[in-house]
Each structure stands twice: as structure tokens, then as C-alpha cells.
């Protein structure tokens, strides 16, 4: 084991290192969610706008950047979840039985919720990639943008049609939409607490700013929640076709 590996291991094992990893990965996910939501909302602009966006993503860096982003997101979430779980376990081990007041018990419940919501979100990301990226659902891979082909003579994947087919009203998709909404609700519950924790870890929260930070955290969580669930619900109930 060389010096760099030893330093990285020591940093990971320290509580300060884990807190910073949780904070940095949290910031990365917050930024990703804002960008991803912006792209998703293009579904309301129609097939051409959404497929132009999807084509831009898949052609960036000759198709390599989209996979770098996907792998990076998975690594970020895994590190975030693992570091959070380990911090929670360390805090429980260090906490004396004589300090089990009501506020501490509430904090433990909050920590448990953060862990389970994080694991659910991780499972959802894996499912989401399998659903729309690996295209485990039959027929998604063969969907072509016919209007684009007629106008340009070239072929491209119909991402708009794929999303519509993935959420349109049927019994199986009802389960998918329900899982999507549950995952987004847990994600935003996680965000409403996590964004404030990032400010605290980085030393940006004080008594004067904590109310403002709490409002920012809640507002951001509500915007992300409403934006993301608006897509599957609008498609499932036939508002977007």
C-alpha cells in the first residue's frame, strides 16, 4: 500500500473525511438533479425539442460523456449512501446511553429515514437506467423518430416516444409510476434535510442563516419533487401524448 492509498484510506475512515464526502457528493447530486429536471421538462415542449435534447446528450463526446455521467452518478450515490450509513453507525456507537433524550431519539429516527431513503433512491437509479438506458422493456430499442427521418433522411432514437410508452396508462406502468413517485418523494424528503446538512458541514450555517437555509432546502425539494413527478403523471393521465 503506497502513501497515496494510505492517505485516502485514512481520510475515508475519519469522521471529518466522511462528512466532507457526504457534503461534496450531496452538492454534485443537487446540481445533477437541477440539470436533469430541466431536460426532463422538455417533454412538455414536444417530440422535436425533447429528441433534440436527447440526441445532444448521446452524441456529446462521441457518445462517451453520457456514460461517464451515468457511471459518475452511480459512484456518487454509492459513496454518499455508504458514507452516510457509516457516519450514522459511528454516531450511534459513540453516543452514551445517558444522553438518550427525546431530541436524540428524533435524530436517530431522522438518520434511519435518511439511510432507507438513500437506499431506495439508489435502487430507483439502477431501475431507471435499466428502464430507459439499457431498455429492458421490449420495443424501446426499436423506436425511431419518424418525423426526423422524413425531414432529414437520417435516423435517431425516439426518446420522446420511449418516455411516453414507459409511463402511459396501463396496469404495469401504473406500478412504475407509483414507484417513481415514491422514490421522488423519498428523494425530496432526503433533500429537505440534506441540503441544510451540507451548509452545516461546510461551515456555512449559523444561527442567523439557519432559517433562510431551511427555507431554501424546503423550496428546492418541493420544486424538484413537483417537477419530476409532473412528467409521469401527465403522461399516465393522458395530458402529454
Protein backbone atom coordinates (compact mmCIF):
# COMPACT_ATOMS: atom_id res chain seq x y z
CA UNK A 1 0.00 0.00 0.00
CA UNK A 2 1.60 3.27 -1.12
CA UNK A 3 1.42 6.63 0.63
CA UNK A 4 -1.44 7.92 -1.54
CA UNK A 5 -3.56 4.83 -0.85
CA UNK A 6 -2.84 5.06 2.88
CA UNK A 7 -3.79 8.74 2.92
CA UNK A 8 -7.03 8.06 1.03
CA UNK A 9 -7.89 5.19 3.37
CA UNK A 10 -7.18 7.28 6.48
CA UNK A 11 -9.28 10.14 5.07
CA UNK A 12 -12.19 7.81 4.34
CA UNK A 13 -12.04 6.24 7.80
CA UNK A 14 -12.11 9.59 9.61
CA UNK A 15 -15.45 11.15 10.51
CA UNK A 16 -14.37 14.50 9.05
CA UNK A 17 -13.46 12.82 5.77
CA UNK A 18 -16.81 11.03 5.61
CA UNK A 19 -18.72 14.24 6.36
CA UNK A 20 -16.91 16.07 3.58
CA UNK A 21 -17.55 13.18 1.17
CA UNK A 22 -21.25 13.28 2.07
CA UNK A 23 -21.29 17.06 1.55
CA UNK A 24 -19.42 17.05 -1.78
CA UNK A 25 -21.40 14.14 -3.23
CA UNK A 26 -24.57 15.84 -1.98
CA UNK A 27 -23.68 19.04 -3.85
CA UNK A 28 -22.97 17.05 -7.02
CA UNK A 29 -26.35 15.34 -6.80
CA UNK A 30 -28.16 18.62 -6.15
CA UNK A 31 -26.60 20.11 -9.30
CA UNK A 32 -27.34 16.96 -11.30
CA UNK A 33 -30.99 16.98 -10.25
CA UNK A 34 -31.45 20.59 -11.34
CA UNK A 35 -29.91 19.87 -14.76
CA UNK A 36 -31.76 16.58 -15.21
CA UNK A 37 -35.09 18.14 -14.30
CA UNK A 38 -34.54 20.94 -16.83
CA UNK A 39 -34.01 18.34 -19.56
CA UNK A 40 -36.97 16.22 -18.44
CA UNK A 41 -39.36 19.16 -18.56
CA UNK A 42 -38.66 19.49 -22.30
CA UNK A 43 -41.16 16.64 -22.66
CA UNK A 44 -43.82 19.38 -22.42
CA UNK A 45 -42.23 21.20 -25.39
CA UNK A 46 -42.97 18.27 -27.70
CA UNK A 47 -41.25 15.45 -29.54
CA UNK A 48 -38.78 17.52 -31.56
CA UNK A 49 -37.45 19.56 -28.62
CA UNK A 50 -37.11 16.51 -26.36
CA UNK A 51 -35.46 14.36 -29.04
CA UNK A 52 -33.04 17.19 -29.93
CA UNK A 53 -32.03 17.30 -26.26
CA UNK A 54 -31.63 13.51 -26.07
CA UNK A 55 -29.59 13.47 -29.29
CA UNK A 56 -27.30 16.20 -27.96
CA UNK A 57 -26.65 14.20 -24.80
CA UNK A 58 -25.96 10.94 -26.63
CA UNK A 59 -23.66 12.50 -29.22
CA UNK A 60 -21.58 14.57 -26.77
CA UNK A 61 -18.01 13.32 -26.72
CA UNK A 62 -18.88 10.77 -29.43
CA UNK A 63 -21.28 9.11 -27.01
CA UNK A 64 -18.73 8.71 -24.22
CA UNK A 65 -19.77 11.64 -21.99
CA UNK A 66 -23.25 10.28 -21.32
CA UNK A 67 -21.76 7.05 -19.96
CA UNK A 68 -19.20 8.96 -17.91
CA UNK A 69 -22.11 10.90 -16.40
CA UNK A 70 -24.09 7.73 -15.68
CA UNK A 71 -21.20 5.90 -14.06
CA UNK A 72 -20.21 9.06 -12.19
CA UNK A 73 -23.74 9.43 -10.85
CA UNK A 74 -23.84 5.84 -9.62
CA UNK A 75 -20.43 6.17 -7.95
CA UNK A 76 -21.50 9.45 -6.35
CA UNK A 77 -24.72 7.98 -4.95
CA UNK A 78 -22.97 4.82 -3.70
CA UNK A 79 -20.28 6.87 -1.91
CA UNK A 80 -22.94 9.15 -0.45
CA UNK A 81 -25.04 6.26 0.87
CA UNK A 82 -22.09 4.28 2.26
CA UNK A 83 -20.54 7.31 3.98
CA UNK A 84 -23.92 8.29 5.45
CA UNK A 85 -24.54 4.78 6.82
CA UNK A 86 -21.05 4.57 8.31
CA UNK A 87 -21.36 8.01 9.93
CA UNK A 88 -24.70 7.02 11.45
CA UNK A 89 -23.21 3.80 12.84
CA UNK A 90 -20.23 5.70 14.26
CA UNK A 91 -22.52 8.26 15.91
CA UNK A 92 -24.64 5.54 17.50
CA UNK A 93 -21.57 3.72 18.80
CA UNK A 94 -20.15 6.93 20.30
CA UNK A 95 -23.39 8.05 21.91
CA UNK A 96 -23.70 7.27 25.62
CA UNK A 97 -26.89 5.69 26.96
CA UNK A 98 -27.19 8.55 29.45
CA UNK A 99 -27.86 11.03 26.65
CA UNK A 100 -30.91 9.34 25.14
CA UNK A 101 -33.18 12.39 25.36
CA UNK A 102 -36.18 12.94 23.10
CA UNK A 103 -34.25 15.14 20.66
CA UNK A 104 -31.57 12.47 20.29
CA UNK A 105 -34.20 9.80 19.66
CA UNK A 106 -35.77 12.03 16.99
CA UNK A 107 -32.35 12.49 15.40
CA UNK A 108 -31.88 8.71 15.31
CA UNK A 109 -35.27 8.34 13.57
CA UNK A 110 -34.25 11.02 11.08
CA UNK A 111 -30.97 9.21 10.44
CA UNK A 112 -32.77 5.93 9.84
CA UNK A 113 -35.08 7.63 7.35
CA UNK A 114 -32.08 9.17 5.58
CA UNK A 115 -30.46 5.73 5.25
CA UNK A 116 -33.55 3.96 3.93
CA UNK A 117 -34.48 6.81 1.60
CA UNK A 118 -30.91 6.80 0.28
CA UNK A 119 -31.02 3.05 -0.40
CA UNK A 120 -34.41 3.40 -2.10
CA UNK A 121 -33.10 6.22 -4.28
CA UNK A 122 -30.08 4.10 -5.23
CA UNK A 123 -32.39 1.23 -6.19
CA UNK A 124 -34.51 3.65 -8.22
CA UNK A 125 -31.49 4.97 -10.13
CA UNK A 126 -30.48 1.40 -11.06
CA UNK A 127 -34.07 0.67 -12.15
CA UNK A 128 -34.29 3.94 -14.09
CA UNK A 129 -31.10 3.13 -16.01
CA UNK A 130 -32.36 -0.39 -16.77
CA UNK A 131 -35.72 1.01 -17.84
CA UNK A 132 -34.70 3.84 -20.15
CA UNK A 133 -30.97 3.29 -20.81
CA UNK A 134 -30.47 -0.46 -21.04
CA UNK A 135 -34.11 -0.62 -22.28
CA UNK A 136 -35.08 -3.91 -20.65
CA UNK A 137 -38.68 -3.23 -21.72
CA UNK A 138 -39.28 -4.74 -25.14
CA UNK A 139 -39.61 -2.38 -28.10
CA UNK A 140 -37.80 0.63 -26.64
CA UNK A 141 -34.63 -0.03 -28.64
CA UNK A 142 -36.50 -0.12 -31.95
CA UNK A 143 -38.34 3.19 -31.54
CA UNK A 144 -37.25 5.65 -34.23
CA UNK A 145 -38.17 9.31 -34.71
CA UNK A 146 -40.14 9.06 -37.94
CA UNK A 147 -40.67 12.83 -38.32
CA UNK A 148 -36.93 13.46 -38.03
CA UNK A 149 -36.20 10.74 -40.60
CA UNK A 150 -38.74 12.22 -43.03
CA UNK A 151 -37.25 15.71 -42.67
CA UNK A 152 -33.54 14.85 -42.75
CA UNK A 153 -33.24 11.36 -44.15
CA UNK A 154 -31.28 10.38 -41.05
CA UNK A 155 -32.27 8.09 -38.18
CA UNK A 156 -32.36 8.81 -34.47
CA UNK A 157 -33.91 7.18 -31.43
CA UNK A 158 -37.35 8.42 -30.45
CA UNK A 159 -36.63 9.25 -26.80
CA UNK A 160 -39.92 11.15 -26.55
CA UNK A 161 -41.91 8.13 -27.69
CA UNK A 162 -39.94 5.89 -25.32
CA UNK A 163 -40.81 8.05 -22.30
CA UNK A 164 -44.46 8.19 -23.35
CA UNK A 165 -44.55 4.40 -23.72
CA UNK A 166 -42.77 4.00 -20.38
CA UNK A 167 -45.40 5.93 -18.43
CA UNK A 168 -48.61 5.68 -20.47
CA UNK A 169 -51.73 4.34 -18.80
CA UNK A 170 -51.62 0.56 -18.34
CA UNK A 171 -51.52 -1.76 -15.32
CA UNK A 172 -47.75 -2.40 -15.41
CA UNK A 173 -46.89 1.25 -15.96
CA UNK A 174 -49.14 2.14 -13.03
CA UNK A 175 -46.69 0.28 -10.80
CA UNK A 176 -43.76 2.04 -12.48
CA UNK A 177 -45.36 5.46 -11.98
CA UNK A 178 -46.17 4.66 -8.35
CA UNK A 179 -42.56 3.57 -7.70
CA UNK A 180 -41.34 6.73 -9.45
CA UNK A 181 -43.49 8.96 -7.23
CA UNK A 182 -42.47 7.10 -4.04
CA UNK A 183 -38.79 7.39 -4.98
CA UNK A 184 -39.12 11.10 -5.80
CA UNK A 185 -40.96 11.72 -2.51
CA UNK A 186 -38.22 9.98 -0.53
CA UNK A 187 -35.58 11.81 -2.55
CA UNK A 188 -37.10 15.19 -1.75
CA UNK A 189 -37.54 14.29 1.90
CA UNK A 190 -33.83 13.45 1.83
CA UNK A 191 -33.07 16.75 0.06
CA UNK A 192 -35.04 18.87 2.53
CA UNK A 193 -32.73 17.62 5.29
CA UNK A 194 -29.58 17.03 3.26
CA UNK A 195 -29.17 20.47 1.69
CA UNK A 196 -29.14 22.07 5.14
CA UNK A 197 -26.63 19.47 6.35
CA UNK A 198 -24.28 20.39 3.51
CA UNK A 199 -24.28 24.03 4.65
CA UNK A 200 -23.59 22.91 8.22
CA UNK A 201 -20.73 20.55 7.24
CA UNK A 202 -19.04 23.24 5.17
CA UNK A 203 -19.44 25.77 7.97
CA UNK A 204 -21.88 27.99 6.07
CA UNK A 205 -24.77 27.72 8.53
CA UNK A 206 -25.14 30.00 11.56
CA UNK A 207 -27.96 30.95 13.90
CA UNK A 208 -28.72 33.94 11.70
CA UNK A 209 -28.78 31.99 8.44
CA UNK A 210 -30.36 28.70 9.57
CA UNK A 211 -33.96 29.80 8.94
CA UNK A 212 -33.09 31.02 5.45
CA UNK A 213 -31.18 27.81 4.71
CA UNK A 214 -34.13 25.72 5.92
CA UNK A 215 -36.48 27.64 3.60
CA UNK A 216 -34.08 27.23 0.68
CA UNK A 217 -33.80 23.48 1.36
CA UNK A 218 -37.56 23.01 1.53
CA UNK A 219 -38.23 25.17 -1.54
CA UNK A 220 -35.64 23.34 -3.62
CA UNK A 221 -37.02 19.96 -2.50
CA UNK A 222 -40.60 20.94 -3.41
CA UNK A 223 -39.56 22.26 -6.84
CA UNK A 224 -37.61 19.09 -7.63
CA UNK A 225 -40.47 16.88 -6.39
CA UNK A 226 -43.19 18.72 -8.33
CA UNK A 227 -41.09 18.91 -11.49
CA UNK A 228 -40.11 15.26 -11.61
CA UNK A 229 -43.49 13.74 -10.77
CA UNK A 230 -45.26 16.06 -13.23
CA UNK A 231 -43.78 14.09 -16.15
CA UNK A 232 -45.03 10.55 -15.36
CA UNK A 233 -48.37 11.82 -14.01
CA UNK A 234 -49.04 14.00 -17.08
CA UNK A 235 -48.28 11.07 -19.39
CA UNK A 236 -50.18 8.49 -17.34
CA UNK A 237 -53.34 10.62 -17.28
CA UNK A 238 -53.09 11.48 -20.97
CA UNK A 239 -52.15 15.16 -20.68
CA UNK A 240 -48.99 14.51 -22.72
CA UNK A 241 -49.22 12.06 -25.62
